[in-house]
Amino acid sequence: CEERDAALQNEVQVVRDKISVLAGRLSQDRSETVAKDEHVKVLGEQNNQMLALLEAEENKSKDHLARIQSLERKNRSLQAVAELFDSTKSELEAQIADAKGKCSDVIAEVRNVRNINENLRANIQNTEAKTRVDIEALGQALQVVDAKNLEYMNRINKQETKEKKLQSETNALKDEVETVRTEIDQLRKK
């Protein structure tokens, strides 16, 4: 019995040792579980923070995507405006080049007309000067002609006076001849 007690005691001691080991293990497992729970809790909080950050990043991403899409639309719109601007600019440059060509043609024509006008002005001035000289010459010739006409008129007046005088003398002579004829006729009749 003592042996049995001792064996039982031994078995109980072995069981106690096992319990003690198991209790140690249990205690260690509990502390590890608590540590793991703490770690899981910390990881859960970190996970929640990461999810919040991820959600915030997704929201930022959505905002950035929306902004990018808006900017792409604006960019397409600006590209259309730029293309329209470029085509309008090209058209305007062509019109400006055409207008410059026409302008240079008009300037050349104006210079040509100006040269013609200057030639005409010079010709007119020459003609005016020649006309003045001709008018002065005609004036002098007219004075000479007037002087000659006056001289001729004086001569004509003198000749008319002489003619009248001669005619009156001729008339007087005719009257005398008639008187003489009448006397001759009367003398013949006697």
C-alpha atoms as a PDB file:
ATOM      1  CA  CYS A   1       0.000   0.000   0.000  1.00  0.00           C
ATOM      2  CA  GLU A   2       2.775   2.309   0.756  1.00  0.00           C
ATOM      3  CA  GLU A   3       4.213   1.454  -2.517  1.00  0.00           C
ATOM      4  CA  ARG A   4       0.956   2.097  -4.009  1.00  0.00           C
ATOM      5  CA  ASP A   5       0.687   5.377  -2.149  1.00  0.00           C
ATOM      6  CA  ALA A   6       4.126   6.248  -3.246  1.00  0.00           C
ATOM      7  CA  ALA A   7       3.271   5.255  -6.823  1.00  0.00           C
ATOM      8  CA  LEU A   8       0.057   7.214  -6.591  1.00  0.00           C
ATOM      9  CA  GLN A   9       1.950  10.038  -4.997  1.00  0.00           C
ATOM     10  CA  ASN A  10       4.366   9.799  -7.831  1.00  0.00           C
ATOM     11  CA  GLU A  11       1.548   9.708 -10.331  1.00  0.00           C
ATOM     12  CA  VAL A  12      -0.166  12.604  -8.567  1.00  0.00           C
ATOM     13  CA  GLN A  13       3.144  14.413  -8.534  1.00  0.00           C
ATOM     14  CA  VAL A  14       3.567  13.670 -12.238  1.00  0.00           C
ATOM     15  CA  VAL A  15      -0.003  14.826 -12.833  1.00  0.00           C
ATOM     16  CA  ARG A  16       0.660  17.915 -10.688  1.00  0.00           C
ATOM     17  CA  ASP A  17       3.857  18.527 -12.610  1.00  0.00           C
ATOM     18  CA  LYS A  18       1.914  18.113 -15.841  1.00  0.00           C
ATOM     19  CA  ILE A  19      -0.832  20.404 -14.481  1.00  0.00           C
ATOM     20  CA  SER A  20       1.815  22.843 -13.391  1.00  0.00           C
ATOM     21  CA  VAL A  21       3.421  22.633 -16.835  1.00  0.00           C
ATOM     22  CA  LEU A  22      -0.032  22.884 -18.421  1.00  0.00           C
ATOM     23  CA  ALA A  23      -0.936  25.771 -16.092  1.00  0.00           C
ATOM     24  CA  GLY A  24       2.348  27.448 -17.077  1.00  0.00           C
ATOM     25  CA  ARG A  25       1.593  26.747 -20.658  1.00  0.00           C
ATOM     26  CA  LEU A  26      -1.979  27.954 -20.152  1.00  0.00           C
ATOM     27  CA  SER A  27      -0.706  31.068 -18.456  1.00  0.00           C
ATOM     28  CA  GLN A  28       1.829  31.550 -21.217  1.00  0.00           C
ATOM     29  CA  ASP A  29      -0.884  30.819 -23.798  1.00  0.00           C
ATOM     30  CA  ARG A  30      -3.174  33.322 -22.056  1.00  0.00           C
ATOM     31  CA  SER A  31      -0.471  35.953 -21.975  1.00  0.00           C
ATOM     32  CA  GLU A  32       0.350  35.128 -25.590  1.00  0.00           C
ATOM     33  CA  THR A  33      -3.362  35.236 -26.407  1.00  0.00           C
ATOM     34  CA  VAL A  34      -3.667  38.586 -24.608  1.00  0.00           C
ATOM     35  CA  ALA A  35      -0.567  39.755 -26.440  1.00  0.00           C
ATOM     36  CA  LYS A  36      -1.955  38.364 -29.663  1.00  0.00           C
ATOM     37  CA  ASP A  37      -5.344  39.917 -28.919  1.00  0.00           C
ATOM     38  CA  GLU A  38      -3.559  43.204 -28.231  1.00  0.00           C
ATOM     39  CA  HIS A  39      -1.566  42.711 -31.389  1.00  0.00           C
ATOM     40  CA  VAL A  40      -4.754  41.802 -33.289  1.00  0.00           C
ATOM     41  CA  LYS A  41      -6.461  44.835 -31.737  1.00  0.00           C
ATOM     42  CA  VAL A  42      -3.516  47.042 -32.759  1.00  0.00           C
ATOM     43  CA  LEU A  43      -3.490  45.398 -36.193  1.00  0.00           C
ATOM     44  CA  GLY A  44      -7.286  45.888 -36.364  1.00  0.00           C
ATOM     45  CA  GLU A  45      -6.864  49.568 -35.514  1.00  0.00           C
ATOM     46  CA  GLN A  46      -4.016  49.832 -37.987  1.00  0.00           C
ATOM     47  CA  ASN A  47      -6.174  47.987 -40.499  1.00  0.00           C
ATOM     48  CA  ASN A  48      -9.059  50.408 -39.813  1.00  0.00           C
ATOM     49  CA  GLN A  49      -6.663  53.329 -40.181  1.00  0.00           C
ATOM     50  CA  MET A  50      -5.304  51.761 -43.384  1.00  0.00           C
ATOM     51  CA  LEU A  51      -8.886  51.240 -44.622  1.00  0.00           C
ATOM     52  CA  ALA A  52      -9.697  54.862 -43.757  1.00  0.00           C
ATOM     53  CA  LEU A  53      -6.508  55.956 -45.518  1.00  0.00           C
ATOM     54  CA  LEU A  54      -7.333  53.653 -48.426  1.00  0.00           C
ATOM     55  CA  GLU A  55     -10.857  55.074 -48.584  1.00  0.00           C
ATOM     56  CA  ALA A  56      -9.451  58.593 -48.394  1.00  0.00           C
ATOM     57  CA  GLU A  57      -6.969  57.705 -51.151  1.00  0.00           C
ATOM     58  CA  GLU A  58      -9.797  56.159 -53.198  1.00  0.00           C
ATOM     59  CA  ASN A  59     -11.812  59.356 -52.694  1.00  0.00           C
ATOM     60  CA  LYS A  60      -8.758  61.381 -53.655  1.00  0.00           C
ATOM     61  CA  SER A  61      -8.300  59.057 -56.617  1.00  0.00           C
ATOM     62  CA  LYS A  62     -11.941  59.545 -57.606  1.00  0.00           C
ATOM     63  CA  ASP A  63     -11.546  63.317 -57.193  1.00  0.00           C
ATOM     64  CA  HIS A  64      -8.300  63.217 -59.177  1.00  0.00           C
ATOM     65  CA  LEU A  65      -9.945  61.039 -61.818  1.00  0.00           C
ATOM     66  CA  ALA A  66     -12.911  63.410 -62.004  1.00  0.00           C
ATOM     67  CA  ARG A  67     -10.506  66.357 -62.175  1.00  0.00           C
ATOM     68  CA  ILE A  68      -8.410  64.558 -64.824  1.00  0.00           C
ATOM     69  CA  GLN A  69     -11.546  63.821 -66.848  1.00  0.00           C
ATOM     70  CA  SER A  70     -12.626  67.447 -66.481  1.00  0.00           C
ATOM     71  CA  LEU A  71      -9.154  68.625 -67.491  1.00  0.00           C
ATOM     72  CA  GLU A  72      -9.150  66.187 -70.426  1.00  0.00           C
ATOM     73  CA  ARG A  73     -12.516  67.614 -71.543  1.00  0.00           C
ATOM     74  CA  LYS A  74     -11.142  71.130 -71.148  1.00  0.00           C
ATOM     75  CA  ASN A  75      -7.979  70.047 -72.960  1.00  0.00           C
ATOM     76  CA  ARG A  76     -10.032  68.613 -75.843  1.00  0.00           C
ATOM     77  CA  SER A  77     -12.084  71.796 -75.878  1.00  0.00           C
ATOM     78  CA  LEU A  78      -8.893  73.892 -75.824  1.00  0.00           C
ATOM     79  CA  GLN A  79      -7.414  71.727 -78.579  1.00  0.00           C
ATOM     80  CA  ALA A  80     -10.519  72.368 -80.676  1.00  0.00           C
ATOM     81  CA  VAL A  81     -10.185  76.099 -79.922  1.00  0.00           C
ATOM     82  CA  ALA A  82      -6.454  75.915 -80.755  1.00  0.00           C
ATOM     83  CA  GLU A  83      -7.213  74.151 -84.046  1.00  0.00           C
ATOM     84  CA  LEU A  84      -9.885  76.736 -84.839  1.00  0.00           C
ATOM     85  CA  PHE A  85      -7.435  79.479 -83.852  1.00  0.00           C
ATOM     86  CA  ASP A  86      -4.710  77.955 -86.038  1.00  0.00           C
ATOM     87  CA  SER A  87      -7.037  77.632 -89.033  1.00  0.00           C
ATOM     88  CA  THR A  88      -8.396  81.151 -88.480  1.00  0.00           C
ATOM     89  CA  LYS A  89      -4.848  82.419 -88.027  1.00  0.00           C
ATOM     90  CA  SER A  90      -3.804  80.736 -91.275  1.00  0.00           C
ATOM     91  CA  GLU A  91      -6.788  82.254 -93.079  1.00  0.00           C
ATOM     92  CA  LEU A  92      -6.034  85.684 -91.606  1.00  0.00           C
ATOM     93  CA  GLU A  93      -2.360  85.375 -92.530  1.00  0.00           C
ATOM     94  CA  ALA A  94      -3.383  84.480 -96.081  1.00  0.00           C
ATOM     95  CA  GLN A  95      -5.788  87.441 -96.157  1.00  0.00           C
ATOM     96  CA  ILE A  96      -3.084  89.718 -94.729  1.00  0.00           C
ATOM     97  CA  ALA A  97      -0.584  88.486 -97.321  1.00  0.00           C
ATOM     98  CA  ASP A  98      -3.188  89.050-100.046  1.00  0.00           C
ATOM     99  CA  ALA A  99      -3.993  92.508 -98.644  1.00  0.00           C
ATOM    100  CA  LYS A 100      -0.270  93.319 -98.480  1.00  0.00           C
ATOM    101  CA  GLY A 101       0.079  92.242-102.107  1.00  0.00           C
ATOM    102  CA  LYS A 102      -2.876  94.405-103.084  1.00  0.00           C
ATOM    103  CA  CYS A 103      -1.443  97.223-100.964  1.00  0.00           C
ATOM    104  CA  SER A 104       1.899  97.019-102.717  1.00  0.00           C
ATOM    105  CA  ASP A 105       0.059  97.001-106.072  1.00  0.00           C
ATOM    106  CA  VAL A 106      -1.962 100.053-104.998  1.00  0.00           C
ATOM    107  CA  ILE A 107       1.217 101.767-103.731  1.00  0.00           C
ATOM    108  CA  ALA A 108       2.934 101.056-107.059  1.00  0.00           C
ATOM    109  CA  GLU A 109      -0.126 102.350-108.908  1.00  0.00           C
ATOM    110  CA  VAL A 110      -0.244 105.454-106.670  1.00  0.00           C
ATOM    111  CA  ARG A 111       3.458 106.078-107.372  1.00  0.00           C
ATOM    112  CA  ASN A 112       2.808 105.639-111.061  1.00  0.00           C
ATOM    113  CA  VAL A 113      -0.183 108.008-110.921  1.00  0.00           C
ATOM    114  CA  ARG A 114       1.899 110.436-108.841  1.00  0.00           C
ATOM    115  CA  ASN A 115       4.640 110.338-111.489  1.00  0.00           C
ATOM    116  CA  ILE A 116       2.024 110.868-114.201  1.00  0.00           C
ATOM    117  CA  ASN A 117       0.552 113.767-112.174  1.00  0.00           C
ATOM    118  CA  GLU A 118       3.983 115.300-111.709  1.00  0.00           C
ATOM    119  CA  ASN A 119       4.619 114.961-115.449  1.00  0.00           C
ATOM    120  CA  LEU A 120       1.193 116.466-116.179  1.00  0.00           C
ATOM    121  CA  ARG A 121       1.855 119.272-113.663  1.00  0.00           C
ATOM    122  CA  ALA A 122       5.222 119.959-115.297  1.00  0.00           C
ATOM    123  CA  ASN A 123       3.573 119.860-118.741  1.00  0.00           C
ATOM    124  CA  ILE A 124       0.800 122.178-117.512  1.00  0.00           C
ATOM    125  CA  GLN A 125       3.360 124.577-116.041  1.00  0.00           C
ATOM    126  CA  ASN A 126       5.342 124.467-119.286  1.00  0.00           C
ATOM    127  CA  THR A 127       2.143 124.977-121.278  1.00  0.00           C
ATOM    128  CA  GLU A 128       1.124 127.840-118.961  1.00  0.00           C
ATOM    129  CA  ALA A 129       4.537 129.445-119.340  1.00  0.00           C
ATOM    130  CA  LYS A 130       4.391 128.978-123.130  1.00  0.00           C
ATOM    131  CA  THR A 131       0.818 130.278-123.155  1.00  0.00           C
ATOM    132  CA  ARG A 132       1.886 133.354-121.155  1.00  0.00           C
ATOM    133  CA  VAL A 133       4.713 133.947-123.592  1.00  0.00           C
ATOM    134  CA  ASP A 134       2.306 133.407-126.505  1.00  0.00           C
ATOM    135  CA  ILE A 135      -0.274 135.715-124.881  1.00  0.00           C
ATOM    136  CA  GLU A 136       2.385 138.374-124.311  1.00  0.00           C
ATOM    137  CA  ALA A 137       3.530 137.953-127.923  1.00  0.00           C
ATOM    138  CA  LEU A 138      -0.099 138.115-129.092  1.00  0.00           C
ATOM    139  CA  GLY A 139      -0.624 141.171-126.870  1.00  0.00           C
ATOM    140  CA  GLN A 140       2.386 142.862-128.420  1.00  0.00           C
ATOM    141  CA  ALA A 141       1.262 141.775-131.897  1.00  0.00           C
ATOM    142  CA  LEU A 142      -2.232 143.060-131.077  1.00  0.00           C
ATOM    143  CA  GLN A 143      -0.757 146.383-129.997  1.00  0.00           C
ATOM    144  CA  VAL A 144       1.150 146.505-133.268  1.00  0.00           C
ATOM    145  CA  VAL A 145      -2.013 145.544-135.176  1.00  0.00           C
ATOM    146  CA  ASP A 146      -4.019 148.109-133.200  1.00  0.00           C
ATOM    147  CA  ALA A 147      -1.423 150.742-133.979  1.00  0.00           C
ATOM    148  CA  LYS A 148      -1.501 149.730-137.676  1.00  0.00           C
ATOM    149  CA  ASN A 149      -5.312 149.680-137.613  1.00  0.00           C
ATOM    150  CA  LEU A 150      -5.308 153.119-136.063  1.00  0.00           C
ATOM    151  CA  GLU A 151      -2.889 154.256-138.714  1.00  0.00           C
ATOM    152  CA  TYR A 152      -5.067 152.660-141.405  1.00  0.00           C
ATOM    153  CA  MET A 153      -8.178 154.237-139.906  1.00  0.00           C
ATOM    154  CA  ASN A 154      -6.479 157.612-139.920  1.00  0.00           C
ATOM    155  CA  ARG A 155      -5.465 157.051-143.531  1.00  0.00           C
ATOM    156  CA  ILE A 156      -8.976 155.897-144.424  1.00  0.00           C
ATOM    157  CA  ASN A 157     -10.453 158.919-142.676  1.00  0.00           C
ATOM    158  CA  LYS A 158      -8.056 161.167-144.551  1.00  0.00           C
ATOM    159  CA  GLN A 159      -8.859 159.379-147.794  1.00  0.00           C
ATOM    160  CA  GLU A 160     -12.580 159.604-147.082  1.00  0.00           C
ATOM    161  CA  THR A 161     -12.151 163.299-146.401  1.00  0.00           C
ATOM    162  CA  LYS A 162     -10.205 163.634-149.632  1.00  0.00           C
ATOM    163  CA  GLU A 163     -12.817 161.509-151.424  1.00  0.00           C
ATOM    164  CA  LYS A 164     -15.626 163.700-150.115  1.00  0.00           C
ATOM    165  CA  LYS A 165     -13.704 166.755-151.104  1.00  0.00           C
ATOM    166  CA  LEU A 166     -13.004 165.313-154.548  1.00  0.00           C
ATOM    167  CA  GLN A 167     -16.615 164.192-154.875  1.00  0.00           C
ATOM    168  CA  SER A 168     -17.848 167.627-153.948  1.00  0.00           C
ATOM    169  CA  GLU A 169     -15.374 169.052-156.445  1.00  0.00           C
ATOM    170  CA  THR A 170     -16.581 166.486-159.000  1.00  0.00           C
ATOM    171  CA  ASN A 171     -20.172 167.407-158.254  1.00  0.00           C
ATOM    172  CA  ALA A 172     -19.316 171.075-158.587  1.00  0.00           C
ATOM    173  CA  LEU A 173     -17.544 170.343-161.876  1.00  0.00           C
ATOM    174  CA  LYS A 174     -20.543 168.294-163.038  1.00  0.00           C
ATOM    175  CA  ASP A 175     -22.796 171.157-162.122  1.00  0.00           C
ATOM    176  CA  GLU A 176     -20.510 173.481-164.009  1.00  0.00           C
ATOM    177  CA  VAL A 177     -20.436 171.116-166.975  1.00  0.00           C
ATOM    178  CA  GLU A 178     -24.229 170.996-166.903  1.00  0.00           C
ATOM    179  CA  THR A 179     -24.385 174.709-166.686  1.00  0.00           C
ATOM    180  CA  VAL A 180     -21.936 175.019-169.574  1.00  0.00           C
ATOM    181  CA  ARG A 181     -23.935 172.480-171.605  1.00  0.00           C
ATOM    182  CA  THR A 182     -27.103 174.291-170.881  1.00  0.00           C
ATOM    183  CA  GLU A 183     -25.496 177.511-171.970  1.00  0.00           C
ATOM    184  CA  ILE A 184     -24.106 175.812-175.079  1.00  0.00           C
ATOM    185  CA  ASP A 185     -27.524 174.433-175.852  1.00  0.00           C
ATOM    186  CA  GLN A 186     -29.077 177.826-175.389  1.00  0.00           C
ATOM    187  CA  LEU A 187     -26.444 179.378-177.537  1.00  0.00           C
ATOM    188  CA  ARG A 188     -27.096 176.830-180.261  1.00  0.00           C
ATOM    189  CA  LYS A 189     -30.719 177.494-180.164  1.00  0.00           C
ATOM    190  CA  LYS A 190     -30.145 181.113-180.640  1.00  0.00           C
END
